[in-house]
Amino acid sequence: MIPNGLKVGDTYEYCGLTYKVTGVVGENYLSERIGESSPSDQAEPKTEEVSDYESLPYAQLKKLCADRGLDAKGSKADLIARLEG
């Protein structure tokens, strides 16, 4: 269950996953998954090791852009273009 009283930017855990609130619409929260709570999950590849951005899922491309301080919005092609820069 999502806790009440969250604000944009707050994080919460649900079913072993960590989410960040990206917006509030009425009584509903818009959120995106930002990480796993369990260390047993596979580690994401380091940015230096990535040679084929096309094979990565959209969410991982967004995270790579955010980690590099790049705009993480747009299509998969937009994100790849920024990463290849």
C-alpha atoms as a PDB file:
ATOM      1  CA  MET A   1       0.000   0.000   0.000  1.00  0.00           C
ATOM      2  CA  ILE A   2       1.264   3.466  -0.899  1.00  0.00           C
ATOM      3  CA  PRO A   3       1.548   5.702   2.180  1.00  0.00           C
ATOM      4  CA  ASN A   4      -0.672   8.798   2.312  1.00  0.00           C
ATOM      5  CA  GLY A   5       0.763  12.289   2.587  1.00  0.00           C
ATOM      6  CA  LEU A   6       3.602  11.880   0.090  1.00  0.00           C
ATOM      7  CA  LYS A   7       4.911  14.853  -1.884  1.00  0.00           C
ATOM      8  CA  VAL A   8       6.719  15.073  -5.215  1.00  0.00           C
ATOM      9  CA  GLY A   9      10.294  13.885  -4.702  1.00  0.00           C
ATOM     10  CA  ASP A  10       9.463  11.591  -1.759  1.00  0.00           C
ATOM     11  CA  THR A  11      10.383   7.918  -1.992  1.00  0.00           C
ATOM     12  CA  TYR A  12       8.578   4.853  -0.671  1.00  0.00           C
ATOM     13  CA  GLU A  13       8.961   1.077  -0.769  1.00  0.00           C
ATOM     14  CA  TYR A  14       6.320  -1.286  -2.106  1.00  0.00           C
ATOM     15  CA  CYS A  15       6.699  -5.035  -2.649  1.00  0.00           C
ATOM     16  CA  GLY A  16      10.472  -4.864  -2.227  1.00  0.00           C
ATOM     17  CA  LEU A  17      10.920  -2.058  -4.783  1.00  0.00           C
ATOM     18  CA  THR A  18      11.722   1.606  -4.212  1.00  0.00           C
ATOM     19  CA  TYR A  19       9.637   4.264  -5.967  1.00  0.00           C
ATOM     20  CA  LYS A  20       9.950   8.058  -6.260  1.00  0.00           C
ATOM     21  CA  VAL A  21       6.853  10.265  -6.461  1.00  0.00           C
ATOM     22  CA  THR A  22       7.007  12.278  -9.703  1.00  0.00           C
ATOM     23  CA  GLY A  23       3.591  13.916  -9.448  1.00  0.00           C
ATOM     24  CA  VAL A  24       0.301  14.014  -7.584  1.00  0.00           C
ATOM     25  CA  VAL A  25      -3.049  14.070  -9.395  1.00  0.00           C
ATOM     26  CA  GLY A  26      -5.925  14.471  -6.974  1.00  0.00           C
ATOM     27  CA  GLU A  27      -5.463  11.630  -4.510  1.00  0.00           C
ATOM     28  CA  ASN A  28      -3.336   9.563  -6.893  1.00  0.00           C
ATOM     29  CA  TYR A  29       0.438   9.460  -7.043  1.00  0.00           C
ATOM     30  CA  LEU A  30       2.497   9.288 -10.218  1.00  0.00           C
ATOM     31  CA  SER A  31       5.723   7.472  -9.495  1.00  0.00           C
ATOM     32  CA  GLU A  32       8.636   5.716 -11.126  1.00  0.00           C
ATOM     33  CA  ARG A  33      10.687   2.807  -9.892  1.00  0.00           C
ATOM     34  CA  ILE A  34      14.144   3.919  -8.851  1.00  0.00           C
ATOM     35  CA  GLY A  35      15.646   0.774  -7.399  1.00  0.00           C
ATOM     36  CA  GLU A  36      15.377  -2.605  -5.816  1.00  0.00           C
ATOM     37  CA  SER A  37      15.449  -3.070  -2.075  1.00  0.00           C
ATOM     38  CA  SER A  38      16.993  -6.506  -2.440  1.00  0.00           C
ATOM     39  CA  PRO A  39      20.740  -6.877  -3.071  1.00  0.00           C
ATOM     40  CA  SER A  40      20.086 -10.159  -4.896  1.00  0.00           C
ATOM     41  CA  ASP A  41      19.003  -8.334  -8.065  1.00  0.00           C
ATOM     42  CA  GLN A  42      21.418  -8.104 -10.971  1.00  0.00           C
ATOM     43  CA  ALA A  43      23.632  -5.055 -11.025  1.00  0.00           C
ATOM     44  CA  GLU A  44      23.227  -2.697 -13.952  1.00  0.00           C
ATOM     45  CA  PRO A  45      26.198  -2.464 -16.301  1.00  0.00           C
ATOM     46  CA  LYS A  46      28.605   0.388 -15.699  1.00  0.00           C
ATOM     47  CA  THR A  47      28.353   3.186 -18.211  1.00  0.00           C
ATOM     48  CA  GLU A  48      31.924   2.607 -19.407  1.00  0.00           C
ATOM     49  CA  GLU A  49      31.090  -0.993 -20.328  1.00  0.00           C
ATOM     50  CA  VAL A  50      28.016  -0.221 -22.431  1.00  0.00           C
ATOM     51  CA  SER A  51      28.690  -0.593 -26.129  1.00  0.00           C
ATOM     52  CA  ASP A  52      25.182  -1.240 -27.476  1.00  0.00           C
ATOM     53  CA  TYR A  53      22.613   1.166 -26.047  1.00  0.00           C
ATOM     54  CA  GLU A  54      19.945  -0.227 -28.412  1.00  0.00           C
ATOM     55  CA  SER A  55      19.867  -3.483 -26.438  1.00  0.00           C
ATOM     56  CA  LEU A  56      19.148  -1.748 -23.111  1.00  0.00           C
ATOM     57  CA  PRO A  57      15.605  -1.241 -21.826  1.00  0.00           C
ATOM     58  CA  TYR A  58      14.173   2.284 -21.811  1.00  0.00           C
ATOM     59  CA  ALA A  59      14.197   2.538 -17.995  1.00  0.00           C
ATOM     60  CA  GLN A  60      17.899   1.724 -17.860  1.00  0.00           C
ATOM     61  CA  LEU A  61      18.670   4.312 -20.542  1.00  0.00           C
ATOM     62  CA  LYS A  62      16.782   6.909 -18.482  1.00  0.00           C
ATOM     63  CA  LYS A  63      18.842   6.004 -15.420  1.00  0.00           C
ATOM     64  CA  LEU A  64      22.113   6.224 -17.357  1.00  0.00           C
ATOM     65  CA  CYS A  65      21.144   9.686 -18.626  1.00  0.00           C
ATOM     66  CA  ALA A  66      20.193  10.846 -15.141  1.00  0.00           C
ATOM     67  CA  ASP A  67      23.426   9.438 -13.674  1.00  0.00           C
ATOM     68  CA  ARG A  68      25.405  11.434 -16.252  1.00  0.00           C
ATOM     69  CA  GLY A  69      23.445  14.631 -15.617  1.00  0.00           C
ATOM     70  CA  LEU A  70      21.719  14.452 -19.000  1.00  0.00           C
ATOM     71  CA  ASP A  71      18.042  15.104 -19.717  1.00  0.00           C
ATOM     72  CA  ALA A  72      16.262  11.785 -19.118  1.00  0.00           C
ATOM     73  CA  LYS A  73      13.069  12.675 -21.015  1.00  0.00           C
ATOM     74  CA  GLY A  74      12.118  11.671 -24.527  1.00  0.00           C
ATOM     75  CA  SER A  75      12.035   8.600 -26.716  1.00  0.00           C
ATOM     76  CA  LYS A  76      14.497   5.740 -26.562  1.00  0.00           C
ATOM     77  CA  ALA A  77      16.222   7.169 -29.657  1.00  0.00           C
ATOM     78  CA  ASP A  78      16.530  10.581 -27.939  1.00  0.00           C
ATOM     79  CA  LEU A  79      18.125   9.007 -24.870  1.00  0.00           C
ATOM     80  CA  ILE A  80      20.571   6.981 -26.970  1.00  0.00           C
ATOM     81  CA  ALA A  81      21.566  10.093 -28.926  1.00  0.00           C
ATOM     82  CA  ARG A  82      22.337  11.936 -25.674  1.00  0.00           C
ATOM     83  CA  LEU A  83      24.335   9.021 -24.282  1.00  0.00           C
ATOM     84  CA  GLU A  84      26.357   8.653 -27.466  1.00  0.00           C
ATOM     85  CA  GLY A  85      26.705  12.402 -27.435  1.00  0.00           C
END
